[in-house]
Amino acid sequence: MYGVLLVVALLLTAHFAWKYSGSNAWELEIDKRGIQVYTLKKPGSTLKDVRTVRRVKTTLNRAVAAMTSIETEDCAEWGPGCEAIKTVQPWNPKDLSYIQLYRMAYPKPYAPREFLINAKVTQDPRSKVVLVDFTVLPDALPRNECCARMTVFHDTWRFTPMRDGEVEVELTAHLDPGVPYPLFNRLVPIAFYRFFNRGLDKYLNKEKFQQARFEGIEEKYQQATFEGSDEQIQQARLVGIPAK
């Protein structure tokens, strides 16, 4: 009996020591193949926030098309287990927003998860940086008995145009999927790295997104190539036209 109480006391001590620890600053966990994964531990929280960054050869409009797709096939590429999407508020081309209900399968013994998500796209008029903000609306619709409704979820995708024809992609994720926090904190940074490494470039440049254009989303740099003398190529690069 004494041994059991000692183990419980040690576990509780470790739990609270972890919960109230943290620098409240981003710390680099993974840095390879041009991808950086940072985590942030806030005192009072058991879960880490995760930020992942890399550059991709794509356009802002393709990125917005990829982020706002309502096809289950696309959802499953960035969210393994995504098995159904229901439109709650259709895409509004004027304010660049929609509301969707997503259902994702979870491994046993966990119940499937539902995400009622409001997506909103904005662009800074000067820098042309695009933000795609996904926020959860846990109580906007009655809950379904099949699934556990996610109540903590906030993903922000930032797309920053670069002069060389690339876009810097940054995902900042704050979520609680309802799994043990040691498992979450260990596996989620790895999962984000793998998606950014294996699937992000391919996903953002799918054929169906190639000609995407959105009212209110402007490309900062021309998507063209230029041939000429060394001096002419240098001048072209200064205005964002990559040389052949």
C-alpha atoms as a PDB file:
ATOM      1  CA  MET A   1       0.000   0.000   0.000  1.00  0.00           C
ATOM      2  CA  TYR A   2       2.817   2.362   0.940  1.00  0.00           C
ATOM      3  CA  GLY A   3       4.492   1.698  -2.399  1.00  0.00           C
ATOM      4  CA  VAL A   4       1.310   2.567  -4.337  1.00  0.00           C
ATOM      5  CA  LEU A   5       0.880   5.823  -2.425  1.00  0.00           C
ATOM      6  CA  LEU A   6       4.505   6.710  -3.093  1.00  0.00           C
ATOM      7  CA  VAL A   7       4.084   6.134  -6.826  1.00  0.00           C
ATOM      8  CA  VAL A   8       0.903   8.249  -6.876  1.00  0.00           C
ATOM      9  CA  ALA A   9       2.644  11.035  -4.975  1.00  0.00           C
ATOM     10  CA  LEU A  10       5.595  10.979  -7.371  1.00  0.00           C
ATOM     11  CA  LEU A  11       3.300  11.056 -10.411  1.00  0.00           C
ATOM     12  CA  LEU A  12       1.313  13.981  -9.021  1.00  0.00           C
ATOM     13  CA  THR A  13       4.520  15.852  -8.201  1.00  0.00           C
ATOM     14  CA  ALA A  14       5.848  15.269 -11.710  1.00  0.00           C
ATOM     15  CA  HIS A  15       2.519  16.330 -13.244  1.00  0.00           C
ATOM     16  CA  PHE A  16       2.294  19.650 -11.417  1.00  0.00           C
ATOM     17  CA  ALA A  17       6.005  20.329 -11.878  1.00  0.00           C
ATOM     18  CA  TRP A  18       5.484  19.940 -15.636  1.00  0.00           C
ATOM     19  CA  LYS A  19       2.224  21.878 -15.742  1.00  0.00           C
ATOM     20  CA  TYR A  20       3.642  24.985 -14.092  1.00  0.00           C
ATOM     21  CA  SER A  21       6.987  24.886 -15.865  1.00  0.00           C
ATOM     22  CA  GLY A  22       7.775  26.554 -19.165  1.00  0.00           C
ATOM     23  CA  SER A  23       9.640  29.515 -20.599  1.00  0.00           C
ATOM     24  CA  ASN A  24       6.659  30.898 -22.580  1.00  0.00           C
ATOM     25  CA  ALA A  25       9.063  31.259 -25.509  1.00  0.00           C
ATOM     26  CA  TRP A  26       9.481  29.404 -28.795  1.00  0.00           C
ATOM     27  CA  GLU A  27      12.244  26.789 -28.685  1.00  0.00           C
ATOM     28  CA  LEU A  28      13.669  24.983 -31.708  1.00  0.00           C
ATOM     29  CA  GLU A  29      13.060  21.212 -31.607  1.00  0.00           C
ATOM     30  CA  ILE A  30      13.694  20.094 -35.197  1.00  0.00           C
ATOM     31  CA  ASP A  31      15.849  21.776 -37.845  1.00  0.00           C
ATOM     32  CA  LYS A  32      16.570  19.755 -40.972  1.00  0.00           C
ATOM     33  CA  ARG A  33      15.916  19.764 -44.715  1.00  0.00           C
ATOM     34  CA  GLY A  34      14.950  23.418 -44.618  1.00  0.00           C
ATOM     35  CA  ILE A  35      12.185  22.830 -42.068  1.00  0.00           C
ATOM     36  CA  GLN A  36      12.124  24.246 -38.561  1.00  0.00           C
ATOM     37  CA  VAL A  37       9.748  23.015 -35.856  1.00  0.00           C
ATOM     38  CA  TYR A  38       9.430  25.078 -32.691  1.00  0.00           C
ATOM     39  CA  THR A  39       7.461  24.376 -29.524  1.00  0.00           C
ATOM     40  CA  LEU A  40       6.223  26.722 -26.817  1.00  0.00           C
ATOM     41  CA  LYS A  41       5.418  25.640 -23.266  1.00  0.00           C
ATOM     42  CA  LYS A  42       3.275  28.052 -21.255  1.00  0.00           C
ATOM     43  CA  PRO A  43       3.233  27.826 -17.462  1.00  0.00           C
ATOM     44  CA  GLY A  44      -0.158  26.437 -16.423  1.00  0.00           C
ATOM     45  CA  SER A  45      -0.615  24.347 -19.572  1.00  0.00           C
ATOM     46  CA  THR A  46       0.359  20.707 -20.040  1.00  0.00           C
ATOM     47  CA  LEU A  47       0.294  20.911 -23.844  1.00  0.00           C
ATOM     48  CA  LYS A  48       2.839  22.570 -26.086  1.00  0.00           C
ATOM     49  CA  ASP A  49       1.986  24.874 -28.959  1.00  0.00           C
ATOM     50  CA  VAL A  50       3.782  24.002 -32.197  1.00  0.00           C
ATOM     51  CA  ARG A  51       5.126  26.219 -34.990  1.00  0.00           C
ATOM     52  CA  THR A  52       6.469  24.779 -38.242  1.00  0.00           C
ATOM     53  CA  VAL A  53       8.219  26.762 -41.012  1.00  0.00           C
ATOM     54  CA  ARG A  54       9.566  26.033 -44.500  1.00  0.00           C
ATOM     55  CA  ARG A  55       9.726  27.597 -47.968  1.00  0.00           C
ATOM     56  CA  VAL A  56       7.758  26.249 -50.920  1.00  0.00           C
ATOM     57  CA  LYS A  57       7.738  27.132 -54.613  1.00  0.00           C
ATOM     58  CA  THR A  58       4.100  28.141 -55.041  1.00  0.00           C
ATOM     59  CA  THR A  59       1.824  31.202 -55.193  1.00  0.00           C
ATOM     60  CA  LEU A  60      -0.399  32.894 -52.642  1.00  0.00           C
ATOM     61  CA  ASN A  61      -3.542  32.054 -54.609  1.00  0.00           C
ATOM     62  CA  ARG A  62      -2.643  28.369 -54.819  1.00  0.00           C
ATOM     63  CA  ALA A  63      -2.000  28.353 -51.094  1.00  0.00           C
ATOM     64  CA  VAL A  64      -5.396  29.882 -50.363  1.00  0.00           C
ATOM     65  CA  ALA A  65      -7.080  27.375 -52.683  1.00  0.00           C
ATOM     66  CA  ALA A  66      -5.375  24.506 -50.893  1.00  0.00           C
ATOM     67  CA  MET A  67      -6.263  25.814 -47.452  1.00  0.00           C
ATOM     68  CA  THR A  68      -9.913  26.424 -48.295  1.00  0.00           C
ATOM     69  CA  SER A  69     -10.656  23.202 -50.173  1.00  0.00           C
ATOM     70  CA  ILE A  70     -13.803  21.469 -48.902  1.00  0.00           C
ATOM     71  CA  GLU A  71     -13.032  18.073 -50.425  1.00  0.00           C
ATOM     72  CA  THR A  72     -12.540  15.163 -48.031  1.00  0.00           C
ATOM     73  CA  GLU A  73      -9.636  13.869 -50.112  1.00  0.00           C
ATOM     74  CA  ASP A  74      -7.731  17.113 -49.572  1.00  0.00           C
ATOM     75  CA  CYS A  75      -8.605  17.221 -45.879  1.00  0.00           C
ATOM     76  CA  ALA A  76      -7.154  13.728 -45.421  1.00  0.00           C
ATOM     77  CA  GLU A  77      -3.796  14.854 -46.823  1.00  0.00           C
ATOM     78  CA  TRP A  78      -3.105  17.372 -44.062  1.00  0.00           C
ATOM     79  CA  GLY A  79      -5.289  15.681 -41.440  1.00  0.00           C
ATOM     80  CA  PRO A  80      -4.878  11.887 -41.539  1.00  0.00           C
ATOM     81  CA  GLY A  81      -8.131  10.278 -40.485  1.00  0.00           C
ATOM     82  CA  CYS A  82     -10.327  12.991 -41.982  1.00  0.00           C
ATOM     83  CA  GLU A  83     -13.371  11.047 -43.223  1.00  0.00           C
ATOM     84  CA  ALA A  84     -16.221  13.531 -43.681  1.00  0.00           C
ATOM     85  CA  ILE A  85     -16.878  17.252 -44.230  1.00  0.00           C
ATOM     86  CA  LYS A  86     -20.214  19.031 -43.927  1.00  0.00           C
ATOM     87  CA  THR A  87     -20.756  22.596 -45.102  1.00  0.00           C
ATOM     88  CA  VAL A  88     -22.369  24.760 -42.443  1.00  0.00           C
ATOM     89  CA  GLN A  89     -21.735  28.181 -43.984  1.00  0.00           C
ATOM     90  CA  PRO A  90     -20.638  28.098 -47.654  1.00  0.00           C
ATOM     91  CA  TRP A  91     -17.542  29.857 -48.908  1.00  0.00           C
ATOM     92  CA  ASN A  92     -18.117  33.603 -49.001  1.00  0.00           C
ATOM     93  CA  PRO A  93     -15.963  35.068 -51.806  1.00  0.00           C
ATOM     94  CA  LYS A  94     -16.386  38.609 -50.475  1.00  0.00           C
ATOM     95  CA  ASP A  95     -15.053  38.153 -46.961  1.00  0.00           C
ATOM     96  CA  LEU A  96     -13.099  34.952 -47.772  1.00  0.00           C
ATOM     97  CA  SER A  97     -14.578  32.761 -45.068  1.00  0.00           C
ATOM     98  CA  TYR A  98     -16.557  29.573 -44.481  1.00  0.00           C
ATOM     99  CA  ILE A  99     -17.689  27.267 -41.664  1.00  0.00           C
ATOM    100  CA  GLN A 100     -17.254  23.504 -41.993  1.00  0.00           C
ATOM    101  CA  LEU A 101     -17.886  20.517 -39.739  1.00  0.00           C
ATOM    102  CA  TYR A 102     -15.095  17.950 -39.999  1.00  0.00           C
ATOM    103  CA  ARG A 103     -15.123  14.389 -38.668  1.00  0.00           C
ATOM    104  CA  MET A 104     -11.850  12.585 -38.053  1.00  0.00           C
ATOM    105  CA  ALA A 105     -11.282   8.971 -37.092  1.00  0.00           C
ATOM    106  CA  TYR A 106      -9.079   8.373 -34.041  1.00  0.00           C
ATOM    107  CA  PRO A 107      -7.340   5.135 -33.082  1.00  0.00           C
ATOM    108  CA  LYS A 108      -9.062   3.022 -30.465  1.00  0.00           C
ATOM    109  CA  PRO A 109      -9.955   3.455 -27.660  1.00  0.00           C
ATOM    110  CA  TYR A 110     -10.607   7.088 -28.617  1.00  0.00           C
ATOM    111  CA  ALA A 111     -13.905   8.186 -30.141  1.00  0.00           C
ATOM    112  CA  PRO A 112     -13.948  10.015 -33.494  1.00  0.00           C
ATOM    113  CA  ARG A 113     -13.453  13.779 -33.226  1.00  0.00           C
ATOM    114  CA  GLU A 114     -15.589  16.559 -34.671  1.00  0.00           C
ATOM    115  CA  PHE A 115     -14.158  19.970 -35.516  1.00  0.00           C
ATOM    116  CA  LEU A 116     -16.613  22.797 -36.174  1.00  0.00           C
ATOM    117  CA  ILE A 117     -14.240  25.240 -37.833  1.00  0.00           C
ATOM    118  CA  ASN A 118     -14.549  28.834 -38.941  1.00  0.00           C
ATOM    119  CA  ALA A 119     -11.934  29.629 -41.611  1.00  0.00           C
ATOM    120  CA  LYS A 120     -11.052  33.236 -42.440  1.00  0.00           C
ATOM    121  CA  VAL A 121      -8.543  34.473 -45.038  1.00  0.00           C
ATOM    122  CA  THR A 122      -6.962  37.922 -44.841  1.00  0.00           C
ATOM    123  CA  GLN A 123      -4.102  39.675 -46.625  1.00  0.00           C
ATOM    124  CA  ASP A 124      -1.981  42.560 -45.457  1.00  0.00           C
ATOM    125  CA  PRO A 125      -2.315  45.270 -48.146  1.00  0.00           C
ATOM    126  CA  ARG A 126       1.334  46.310 -47.930  1.00  0.00           C
ATOM    127  CA  SER A 127       3.385  43.178 -47.286  1.00  0.00           C
ATOM    128  CA  LYS A 128       0.885  40.905 -49.124  1.00  0.00           C
ATOM    129  CA  VAL A 129       1.304  38.344 -46.340  1.00  0.00           C
ATOM    130  CA  VAL A 130      -1.724  36.039 -46.285  1.00  0.00           C
ATOM    131  CA  LEU A 131      -3.163  34.619 -43.074  1.00  0.00           C
ATOM    132  CA  VAL A 132      -5.573  31.693 -43.029  1.00  0.00           C
ATOM    133  CA  ASP A 133      -7.059  31.458 -39.567  1.00  0.00           C
ATOM    134  CA  PHE A 134      -8.895  28.338 -38.389  1.00  0.00           C
ATOM    135  CA  THR A 135     -10.813  28.746 -35.131  1.00  0.00           C
ATOM    136  CA  VAL A 136     -13.078  26.257 -33.434  1.00  0.00           C
ATOM    137  CA  LEU A 137     -16.770  26.935 -32.721  1.00  0.00           C
ATOM    138  CA  PRO A 138     -17.515  24.127 -30.265  1.00  0.00           C
ATOM    139  CA  ASP A 139     -21.079  25.062 -29.355  1.00  0.00           C
ATOM    140  CA  ALA A 140     -22.405  26.680 -32.521  1.00  0.00           C
ATOM    141  CA  LEU A 141     -24.224  23.441 -33.449  1.00  0.00           C
ATOM    142  CA  PRO A 142     -25.702  20.616 -31.357  1.00  0.00           C
ATOM    143  CA  ARG A 143     -23.172  17.870 -30.707  1.00  0.00           C
ATOM    144  CA  ASN A 144     -23.444  14.470 -32.372  1.00  0.00           C
ATOM    145  CA  GLU A 145     -23.414  11.311 -30.270  1.00  0.00           C
ATOM    146  CA  CYS A 146     -20.927   9.650 -32.617  1.00  0.00           C
ATOM    147  CA  CYS A 147     -18.036  11.925 -31.784  1.00  0.00           C
ATOM    148  CA  ALA A 148     -16.213  14.033 -29.255  1.00  0.00           C
ATOM    149  CA  ARG A 149     -16.425  17.718 -30.203  1.00  0.00           C
ATOM    150  CA  MET A 150     -13.095  19.553 -30.170  1.00  0.00           C
ATOM    151  CA  THR A 151     -13.227  22.598 -27.914  1.00  0.00           C
ATOM    152  CA  VAL A 152      -9.608  23.807 -28.138  1.00  0.00           C
ATOM    153  CA  PHE A 153      -8.283  24.334 -31.651  1.00  0.00           C
ATOM    154  CA  HIS A 154      -6.668  27.351 -33.279  1.00  0.00           C
ATOM    155  CA  ASP A 155      -4.441  26.982 -36.341  1.00  0.00           C
ATOM    156  CA  THR A 156      -2.930  29.941 -38.154  1.00  0.00           C
ATOM    157  CA  TRP A 157      -1.233  29.515 -41.529  1.00  0.00           C
ATOM    158  CA  ARG A 158       0.967  32.430 -42.601  1.00  0.00           C
ATOM    159  CA  PHE A 159       2.109  32.706 -46.234  1.00  0.00           C
ATOM    160  CA  THR A 160       4.875  35.241 -46.817  1.00  0.00           C
ATOM    161  CA  PRO A 161       5.886  35.934 -50.459  1.00  0.00           C
ATOM    162  CA  MET A 162       9.629  35.888 -51.127  1.00  0.00           C
ATOM    163  CA  ARG A 163      11.551  37.511 -53.992  1.00  0.00           C
ATOM    164  CA  ASP A 164      12.822  34.238 -55.432  1.00  0.00           C
ATOM    165  CA  GLY A 165       9.353  32.968 -56.342  1.00  0.00           C
ATOM    166  CA  GLU A 166       8.989  30.996 -53.126  1.00  0.00           C
ATOM    167  CA  VAL A 167       6.518  31.430 -50.301  1.00  0.00           C
ATOM    168  CA  GLU A 168       7.483  31.006 -46.674  1.00  0.00           C
ATOM    169  CA  VAL A 169       4.846  28.815 -45.044  1.00  0.00           C
ATOM    170  CA  GLU A 170       4.370  28.995 -41.300  1.00  0.00           C
ATOM    171  CA  LEU A 171       1.833  26.991 -39.307  1.00  0.00           C
ATOM    172  CA  THR A 172       1.189  27.864 -35.656  1.00  0.00           C
ATOM    173  CA  ALA A 173      -1.001  25.304 -33.909  1.00  0.00           C
ATOM    174  CA  HIS A 174      -2.742  25.472 -30.537  1.00  0.00           C
ATOM    175  CA  LEU A 175      -4.961  22.475 -29.881  1.00  0.00           C
ATOM    176  CA  ASP A 176      -6.069  19.854 -27.404  1.00  0.00           C
ATOM    177  CA  PRO A 177      -7.067  16.634 -29.197  1.00  0.00           C
ATOM    178  CA  GLY A 178      -7.990  14.901 -25.964  1.00  0.00           C
ATOM    179  CA  VAL A 179      -5.103  12.429 -25.765  1.00  0.00           C
ATOM    180  CA  PRO A 180      -2.509  12.069 -22.966  1.00  0.00           C
ATOM    181  CA  TYR A 181      -0.273  15.116 -23.023  1.00  0.00           C
ATOM    182  CA  PRO A 182       3.067  13.207 -22.936  1.00  0.00           C
ATOM    183  CA  LEU A 183       1.966  11.454 -26.127  1.00  0.00           C
ATOM    184  CA  PHE A 184       0.818  14.694 -27.753  1.00  0.00           C
ATOM    185  CA  ASN A 185       3.948  16.656 -26.852  1.00  0.00           C
ATOM    186  CA  ARG A 186       6.216  13.918 -28.181  1.00  0.00           C
ATOM    187  CA  LEU A 187       4.443  12.989 -31.413  1.00  0.00           C
ATOM    188  CA  VAL A 188       2.824  16.165 -32.779  1.00  0.00           C
ATOM    189  CA  PRO A 189       6.084  18.040 -33.596  1.00  0.00           C
ATOM    190  CA  ILE A 190       7.271  14.931 -35.471  1.00  0.00           C
ATOM    191  CA  ALA A 191       3.971  14.629 -37.336  1.00  0.00           C
ATOM    192  CA  PHE A 192       4.100  18.277 -38.406  1.00  0.00           C
ATOM    193  CA  TYR A 193       7.684  17.886 -39.605  1.00  0.00           C
ATOM    194  CA  ARG A 194       6.760  14.834 -41.666  1.00  0.00           C
ATOM    195  CA  PHE A 195       3.847  16.570 -43.360  1.00  0.00           C
ATOM    196  CA  PHE A 196       5.913  19.667 -44.176  1.00  0.00           C
ATOM    197  CA  ASN A 197       8.700  17.428 -45.490  1.00  0.00           C
ATOM    198  CA  ARG A 198       6.713  14.882 -47.483  1.00  0.00           C
ATOM    199  CA  GLY A 199       3.405  16.437 -48.412  1.00  0.00           C
ATOM    200  CA  LEU A 200       3.297  20.235 -48.209  1.00  0.00           C
ATOM    201  CA  ASP A 201       4.946  21.101 -51.530  1.00  0.00           C
ATOM    202  CA  LYS A 202       2.878  18.532 -53.409  1.00  0.00           C
ATOM    203  CA  TYR A 203      -0.362  19.586 -51.729  1.00  0.00           C
ATOM    204  CA  LEU A 204       0.022  23.326 -52.362  1.00  0.00           C
ATOM    205  CA  ASN A 205       0.796  22.696 -56.032  1.00  0.00           C
ATOM    206  CA  LYS A 206      -1.926  20.239 -56.973  1.00  0.00           C
ATOM    207  CA  GLU A 207      -3.066  20.535 -60.571  1.00  0.00           C
ATOM    208  CA  LYS A 208      -6.534  21.731 -59.575  1.00  0.00           C
ATOM    209  CA  PHE A 209      -5.031  24.663 -57.648  1.00  0.00           C
ATOM    210  CA  GLN A 210      -2.725  25.844 -60.461  1.00  0.00           C
ATOM    211  CA  GLN A 211      -5.063  28.459 -61.928  1.00  0.00           C
ATOM    212  CA  ALA A 212      -6.756  29.505 -58.679  1.00  0.00           C
ATOM    213  CA  ARG A 213      -7.516  33.218 -58.345  1.00  0.00           C
ATOM    214  CA  PHE A 214      -9.280  34.936 -55.459  1.00  0.00           C
ATOM    215  CA  GLU A 215     -10.694  38.427 -55.362  1.00  0.00           C
ATOM    216  CA  GLY A 216      -8.744  40.310 -52.733  1.00  0.00           C
ATOM    217  CA  ILE A 217      -5.624  38.098 -52.891  1.00  0.00           C
ATOM    218  CA  GLU A 218      -2.750  39.741 -54.774  1.00  0.00           C
ATOM    219  CA  GLU A 219       0.596  38.209 -55.650  1.00  0.00           C
ATOM    220  CA  LYS A 220       3.443  40.436 -54.507  1.00  0.00           C
ATOM    221  CA  TYR A 221       5.926  39.261 -57.137  1.00  0.00           C
ATOM    222  CA  GLN A 222       5.352  38.349 -60.759  1.00  0.00           C
ATOM    223  CA  GLN A 223       5.234  34.648 -61.531  1.00  0.00           C
ATOM    224  CA  ALA A 224       7.386  34.741 -64.662  1.00  0.00           C
ATOM    225  CA  THR A 225      10.860  33.858 -65.843  1.00  0.00           C
ATOM    226  CA  PHE A 226      13.346  36.108 -67.556  1.00  0.00           C
ATOM    227  CA  GLU A 227      16.287  35.535 -69.891  1.00  0.00           C
ATOM    228  CA  GLY A 228      18.970  38.079 -70.667  1.00  0.00           C
ATOM    229  CA  SER A 229      22.417  39.336 -69.773  1.00  0.00           C
ATOM    230  CA  ASP A 230      23.806  39.017 -66.243  1.00  0.00           C
ATOM    231  CA  GLU A 231      22.995  42.674 -65.603  1.00  0.00           C
ATOM    232  CA  GLN A 232      19.435  42.285 -66.897  1.00  0.00           C
ATOM    233  CA  ILE A 233      18.899  39.136 -64.833  1.00  0.00           C
ATOM    234  CA  GLN A 234      20.087  40.947 -61.713  1.00  0.00           C
ATOM    235  CA  GLN A 235      17.628  43.779 -62.366  1.00  0.00           C
ATOM    236  CA  ALA A 236      14.837  41.254 -62.909  1.00  0.00           C
ATOM    237  CA  ARG A 237      15.586  39.564 -59.608  1.00  0.00           C
ATOM    238  CA  LEU A 238      15.291  42.892 -57.830  1.00  0.00           C
ATOM    239  CA  VAL A 239      11.647  43.070 -58.865  1.00  0.00           C
ATOM    240  CA  GLY A 240      10.975  39.431 -58.091  1.00  0.00           C
ATOM    241  CA  ILE A 241      11.230  37.788 -61.532  1.00  0.00           C
ATOM    242  CA  PRO A 242      13.302  34.572 -61.271  1.00  0.00           C
ATOM    243  CA  ALA A 243      15.802  33.973 -64.076  1.00  0.00           C
ATOM    244  CA  LYS A 244      15.848  30.839 -66.193  1.00  0.00           C
END
